[in-house]
Amino acid sequence: MPLTTTGELITRAARRRTAVPAFNIITLEHIEAVVSGAETAGAPVVLQVSENAVKFRGGRLCPLARAAVTAAEQAGVPVALHLDHVQSESLLRQAPEAGFSSVMYDAARLPYAENLTATRAAADWAHAQGLWIEAELGQIGGKDGRPPLDAHAPGARTDPAEARDFVERTGVDALAVAIGSTHAMTTRTAALDHALLERLCAGLAVPLVLHGSSGVPDDALVEAVAGGIGKVNVGTALNAALTGAVREHLGRHPDAVDPRAYLAVGRTAMAGEVARIIRVLDGASSS
């Protein structure tokens, strides 16, 4: 079916009181697994390409993006394409032509005033291109001589008043908030601050995004979606499924050299994890 847009998927999900699942892709097997898992679950999905993934692919965005677009057009469920954690202005400007309907512009590493200025400029440009734009705001340090705290550092939190000011002054369409999850967690032990999420949701008129969802237990994820999270980003969980399946296969077949055999089991494992996570998110709409 035709490539859809992230904004449209989030609007539809909001009507159902659920969240859009967004999975980070690195290889063709990631793309195929995410689409397959979404088709199994019968749900729309977002394919995300991060700036780090682009760097891994030699700095070239289009090969992976075009593969994702082709897979989306052949999928049996709606699929959107999102450019994630963009810091490079050059990469940001490649998004429309490469098929992306949305971008996450990441200036959260900067002090608040600089983050605001940079994100405002990115949002103005993105909207002029018809792109939906997400930004990120964590706990901003700098007081008493302390450095800014990265939004994904342990203990980072998004301040509701600062978030409201940030959204109003930048004009972004969604905000990724720091409420207790962190990137690259391989254990599902993140403790989300649901009281803070309630305050953020009450004070903001844009969808909220949860990054680092691989480390969040299922029940906490359901509670977060019910509490106002509109987009759930997942990356490490797929990589863990892929790596675990490949490691097990090679352990049983130490003489294997054909990558098709072990990549196939890795792809199947990722597809299963995609379908499982989507079903968990769907549980929020019925809870």
Protein backbone atom coordinates (compact mmCIF):
# COMPACT_ATOMS: atom_id res chain seq x y z
CA MET A 1 0.00 0.00 0.00
CA PRO A 2 1.13 3.60 -0.39
CA LEU A 3 3.65 4.98 2.08
CA THR A 4 1.76 6.76 4.86
CA THR A 5 2.90 9.52 7.22
CA THR A 6 3.95 9.40 10.85
CA GLY A 7 1.63 12.25 11.73
CA GLU A 8 -1.36 10.44 10.27
CA LEU A 9 -0.54 7.25 12.18
CA ILE A 10 -0.22 9.13 15.46
CA THR A 11 -3.52 10.91 14.91
CA ARG A 12 -5.26 7.58 14.26
CA ALA A 13 -3.62 5.99 17.30
CA ALA A 14 -4.73 8.87 19.52
CA ARG A 15 -8.36 8.19 18.58
CA ARG A 16 -7.89 4.60 19.76
CA ARG A 17 -6.05 5.75 22.90
CA THR A 18 -2.99 3.76 21.97
CA ALA A 19 0.50 4.52 20.66
CA VAL A 20 2.31 4.13 17.38
CA PRO A 21 5.15 1.58 17.51
CA ALA A 22 8.34 2.87 15.90
CA PHE A 23 11.23 0.48 15.31
CA ASN A 24 14.80 1.43 14.45
CA ILE A 25 16.22 -0.33 11.42
CA ILE A 26 19.85 -0.96 10.51
CA THR A 27 19.82 -3.72 7.89
CA LEU A 28 17.48 -5.04 5.23
CA GLU A 29 16.65 -7.86 7.65
CA HIS A 30 15.48 -5.28 10.19
CA ILE A 31 13.17 -3.75 7.58
CA GLU A 32 11.72 -7.10 6.55
CA ALA A 33 11.29 -8.19 10.16
CA VAL A 34 9.48 -5.03 11.24
CA VAL A 35 7.08 -5.17 8.30
CA SER A 36 6.48 -8.90 8.80
CA GLY A 37 5.84 -8.47 12.53
CA ALA A 38 3.46 -5.58 11.91
CA GLU A 39 1.56 -7.63 9.32
CA THR A 40 1.30 -10.52 11.77
CA ALA A 41 -0.10 -8.18 14.41
CA GLY A 42 -2.30 -6.40 11.85
CA ALA A 43 -1.12 -2.96 12.91
CA PRO A 44 0.53 0.09 11.33
CA VAL A 45 4.17 0.77 12.09
CA VAL A 46 6.95 3.33 11.71
CA LEU A 47 10.34 2.39 10.30
CA GLN A 48 13.02 4.60 11.86
CA VAL A 49 16.50 5.31 10.52
CA SER A 50 18.81 6.97 13.02
CA GLU A 51 21.76 9.17 12.24
CA ASN A 52 23.96 6.48 13.79
CA ALA A 53 22.54 3.92 11.35
CA VAL A 54 23.37 6.26 8.47
CA LYS A 55 26.94 6.58 9.76
CA PHE A 56 27.14 2.77 9.91
CA ARG A 57 26.10 2.64 6.26
CA GLY A 58 29.01 4.85 5.23
CA GLY A 59 27.09 8.10 5.62
CA ARG A 60 24.66 7.21 2.81
CA LEU A 61 20.98 7.58 3.66
CA CYS A 62 19.29 6.63 0.40
CA PRO A 63 20.18 2.90 0.04
CA LEU A 64 18.54 1.95 3.35
CA ALA A 65 15.76 4.52 2.95
CA ARG A 66 14.84 3.31 -0.53
CA ALA A 67 14.74 -0.28 0.69
CA ALA A 68 12.40 0.84 3.47
CA VAL A 69 10.16 2.75 1.07
CA THR A 70 9.90 -0.26 -1.24
CA ALA A 71 9.07 -2.57 1.68
CA ALA A 72 6.44 -0.11 2.90
CA GLU A 73 4.81 0.09 -0.51
CA GLN A 74 4.55 -3.70 -0.63
CA ALA A 75 3.36 -4.10 2.98
CA GLY A 76 -0.09 -5.26 3.96
CA VAL A 77 -0.31 -2.62 6.73
CA PRO A 78 0.31 1.15 6.73
CA VAL A 79 4.00 1.98 7.13
CA ALA A 80 5.65 5.37 7.64
CA LEU A 81 9.31 6.36 7.49
CA HIS A 82 10.94 8.49 10.21
CA LEU A 83 14.48 9.94 10.41
CA ASP A 84 15.59 9.60 14.03
CA HIS A 85 18.01 11.52 16.29
CA VAL A 86 19.22 13.87 13.58
CA GLN A 87 21.95 16.28 14.60
CA SER A 88 23.46 16.90 11.17
CA GLU A 89 21.88 19.75 9.21
CA SER A 90 22.97 18.06 5.97
CA LEU A 91 21.20 14.82 6.90
CA LEU A 92 18.09 16.69 7.98
CA ARG A 93 17.78 18.26 4.55
CA GLN A 94 17.92 14.88 2.81
CA ALA A 95 14.76 13.66 4.55
CA PRO A 96 12.01 14.76 2.12
CA GLU A 97 13.62 13.45 -1.06
CA ALA A 98 14.51 10.14 0.63
CA GLY A 99 10.85 9.43 1.47
CA PHE A 100 10.65 10.44 5.12
CA SER A 101 7.47 12.08 6.37
CA SER A 102 8.91 12.96 9.77
CA VAL A 103 12.17 13.71 11.56
CA MET A 104 13.35 13.76 15.14
CA TYR A 105 15.72 16.71 15.45
CA ASP A 106 18.02 16.13 18.40
CA ALA A 107 19.55 19.21 20.01
CA ALA A 108 18.90 17.94 23.54
CA ARG A 109 22.67 17.84 24.21
CA LEU A 110 22.72 21.65 24.11
CA PRO A 111 21.91 24.07 26.92
CA TYR A 112 18.24 25.04 26.92
CA ALA A 113 18.50 28.35 25.04
CA GLU A 114 20.65 26.82 22.30
CA ASN A 115 18.41 23.76 22.06
CA LEU A 116 15.40 26.02 21.65
CA THR A 117 16.99 28.18 18.96
CA ALA A 118 18.30 25.24 16.95
CA THR A 119 15.04 23.31 17.20
CA ARG A 120 12.97 26.34 16.21
CA ALA A 121 15.03 26.73 13.05
CA ALA A 122 14.76 23.01 12.28
CA ALA A 123 10.99 23.07 12.86
CA ASP A 124 10.50 26.05 10.58
CA TRP A 125 12.44 24.32 7.82
CA ALA A 126 10.72 20.95 8.34
CA HIS A 127 7.24 22.44 8.26
CA ALA A 128 8.08 24.30 5.05
CA GLN A 129 8.88 20.89 3.53
CA GLY A 130 5.68 19.30 4.86
CA LEU A 131 7.53 17.26 7.48
CA TRP A 132 6.21 16.35 10.94
CA ILE A 133 8.93 17.10 13.51
CA GLU A 134 9.72 15.61 16.90
CA ALA A 135 12.21 17.05 19.39
CA GLU A 136 13.55 16.02 22.77
CA LEU A 137 13.88 17.70 26.13
CA GLY A 138 15.42 16.21 29.24
CA GLN A 139 16.65 17.67 32.48
CA ILE A 140 18.71 20.74 31.70
CA GLY A 141 21.67 21.22 34.00
CA GLY A 142 24.09 24.10 34.00
CA LYS A 143 22.98 25.42 37.38
CA ASP A 144 25.63 25.87 40.06
CA GLY A 145 28.32 25.10 37.51
CA ARG A 146 26.93 21.69 36.62
CA PRO A 147 27.00 20.64 32.93
CA PRO A 148 23.81 19.94 30.96
CA LEU A 149 22.43 16.45 31.64
CA ASP A 150 21.73 14.37 28.55
CA ALA A 151 18.07 13.44 28.20
CA HIS A 152 18.98 9.74 28.39
CA ALA A 153 21.38 9.91 31.30
CA PRO A 154 20.30 8.03 34.44
CA GLY A 155 18.18 10.37 36.52
CA ALA A 156 17.33 12.72 33.66
CA ARG A 157 13.81 14.09 33.76
CA THR A 158 11.81 16.56 31.67
CA ASP A 159 10.53 19.59 33.55
CA PRO A 160 6.82 20.23 32.70
CA ALA A 161 7.07 24.04 32.76
CA GLU A 162 10.19 24.01 30.63
CA ALA A 163 8.56 21.54 28.24
CA ARG A 164 5.52 23.74 27.79
CA ASP A 165 7.71 26.76 27.04
CA PHE A 166 9.85 24.71 24.66
CA VAL A 167 6.91 23.35 22.65
CA GLU A 168 5.23 26.74 22.40
CA ARG A 169 8.40 28.53 21.26
CA THR A 170 9.70 25.88 18.83
CA GLY A 171 6.41 24.80 17.25
CA VAL A 172 7.39 21.11 17.21
CA ASP A 173 4.71 18.49 16.53
CA ALA A 174 5.77 16.02 19.23
CA LEU A 175 8.11 15.90 22.20
CA ALA A 176 10.26 13.04 23.42
CA VAL A 177 10.32 13.21 27.20
CA ALA A 178 12.72 11.86 29.81
CA ILE A 179 10.68 9.97 32.40
CA GLY A 180 13.04 7.16 33.38
CA SER A 181 13.93 5.14 30.28
CA THR A 182 17.36 5.18 28.67
CA HIS A 183 18.78 4.07 25.35
CA ALA A 184 20.50 0.71 24.79
CA MET A 185 19.08 -1.06 27.84
CA THR A 186 19.43 -4.84 27.57
CA THR A 187 17.41 -5.49 30.72
CA ARG A 188 13.78 -4.49 31.12
CA THR A 189 14.24 -2.76 34.44
CA ALA A 190 13.51 0.90 33.69
CA ALA A 191 11.31 2.53 36.33
CA LEU A 192 9.09 5.12 34.67
CA ASP A 193 7.89 8.20 36.53
CA HIS A 194 4.18 7.94 35.75
CA ALA A 195 3.30 10.91 37.97
CA LEU A 196 5.64 13.10 35.93
CA LEU A 197 4.13 11.76 32.71
CA GLU A 198 0.69 12.76 33.97
CA ARG A 199 1.91 16.31 34.61
CA LEU A 200 3.59 16.51 31.21
CA CYS A 201 0.52 15.21 29.43
CA ALA A 202 -1.73 17.68 31.23
CA GLY A 203 0.45 20.63 30.27
CA LEU A 204 1.26 19.84 26.65
CA ALA A 205 -0.95 19.79 23.57
CA VAL A 206 1.38 17.68 21.42
CA PRO A 207 1.92 13.90 21.39
CA LEU A 208 4.58 12.62 23.78
CA VAL A 209 7.23 10.13 22.70
CA LEU A 210 8.99 7.49 24.78
CA HIS A 211 12.55 6.68 23.76
CA GLY A 212 14.48 3.73 25.18
CA SER A 213 11.37 1.56 25.37
CA SER A 214 13.34 -1.69 25.05
CA GLY A 215 14.20 -1.38 28.74
CA VAL A 216 10.63 -0.82 29.93
CA PRO A 217 8.61 -3.75 31.38
CA ASP A 218 5.36 -4.56 29.58
CA ASP A 219 3.05 -3.41 32.37
CA ALA A 220 4.87 -0.09 32.68
CA LEU A 221 4.73 0.36 28.93
CA VAL A 222 0.97 -0.23 28.91
CA GLU A 223 0.57 2.24 31.77
CA ALA A 224 2.68 4.83 29.95
CA VAL A 225 0.60 4.56 26.78
CA ALA A 226 -2.61 4.79 28.79
CA GLY A 227 -1.08 7.82 30.51
CA GLY A 228 -0.46 9.74 27.30
CA ILE A 229 2.55 8.40 25.39
CA GLY A 230 1.66 8.53 21.69
CA LYS A 231 4.78 7.07 20.05
CA VAL A 232 6.96 4.28 21.40
CA ASN A 233 10.52 3.92 20.06
CA VAL A 234 12.16 0.49 20.10
CA GLY A 235 15.63 -0.43 18.89
CA THR A 236 17.76 -2.51 21.24
CA ALA A 237 15.09 -5.19 21.70
CA LEU A 238 15.30 -6.02 18.00
CA ASN A 239 19.08 -6.11 18.05
CA ALA A 240 19.02 -8.41 21.06
CA ALA A 241 16.56 -10.74 19.33
CA LEU A 242 18.67 -10.80 16.16
CA THR A 243 21.97 -11.33 17.94
CA GLY A 244 20.60 -13.97 20.29
CA ALA A 245 19.09 -16.01 17.47
CA VAL A 246 22.22 -15.79 15.33
CA ARG A 247 24.47 -16.69 18.27
CA GLU A 248 22.33 -19.73 19.08
CA HIS A 249 22.27 -20.86 15.46
CA LEU A 250 26.03 -20.57 15.05
CA GLY A 251 26.53 -22.36 18.35
CA ARG A 252 24.58 -25.31 16.98
CA HIS A 253 26.16 -25.03 13.53
CA PRO A 254 29.76 -23.93 14.13
CA ASP A 255 30.78 -24.76 10.56
CA ALA A 256 28.04 -22.62 8.96
CA VAL A 257 29.28 -20.07 6.44
CA ASP A 258 26.15 -19.17 4.44
CA PRO A 259 24.75 -15.98 6.00
CA ARG A 260 21.28 -16.69 4.63
CA ALA A 261 20.78 -19.46 7.19
CA TYR A 262 21.65 -17.47 10.30
CA LEU A 263 20.21 -14.17 9.07
CA ALA A 264 16.91 -15.92 8.40
CA VAL A 265 16.60 -17.09 12.01
CA GLY A 266 17.63 -13.64 13.19
CA ARG A 267 15.01 -11.99 11.00
CA THR A 268 12.33 -14.37 12.28
CA ALA A 269 13.29 -13.62 15.88
CA MET A 270 13.03 -9.88 15.28
CA ALA A 271 9.65 -10.26 13.56
CA GLY A 272 8.37 -12.16 16.57
CA GLU A 273 9.54 -9.43 18.93
CA VAL A 274 7.92 -6.75 16.77
CA ALA A 275 4.57 -8.54 16.83
CA ARG A 276 4.84 -9.09 20.59
CA ILE A 277 5.55 -5.41 21.33
CA ILE A 278 2.72 -4.25 19.08
CA ARG A 279 0.29 -6.52 20.93
CA VAL A 280 1.51 -5.12 24.25
CA LEU A 281 0.81 -1.58 23.03
CA ASP A 282 -2.62 -2.58 21.74
CA GLY A 283 -3.39 -3.79 25.25
CA ALA A 284 -3.27 -0.19 26.43
CA SER A 285 -6.33 0.70 24.35
CA SER A 286 -8.42 -1.99 26.07
CA SER A 287 -7.15 -1.44 29.59
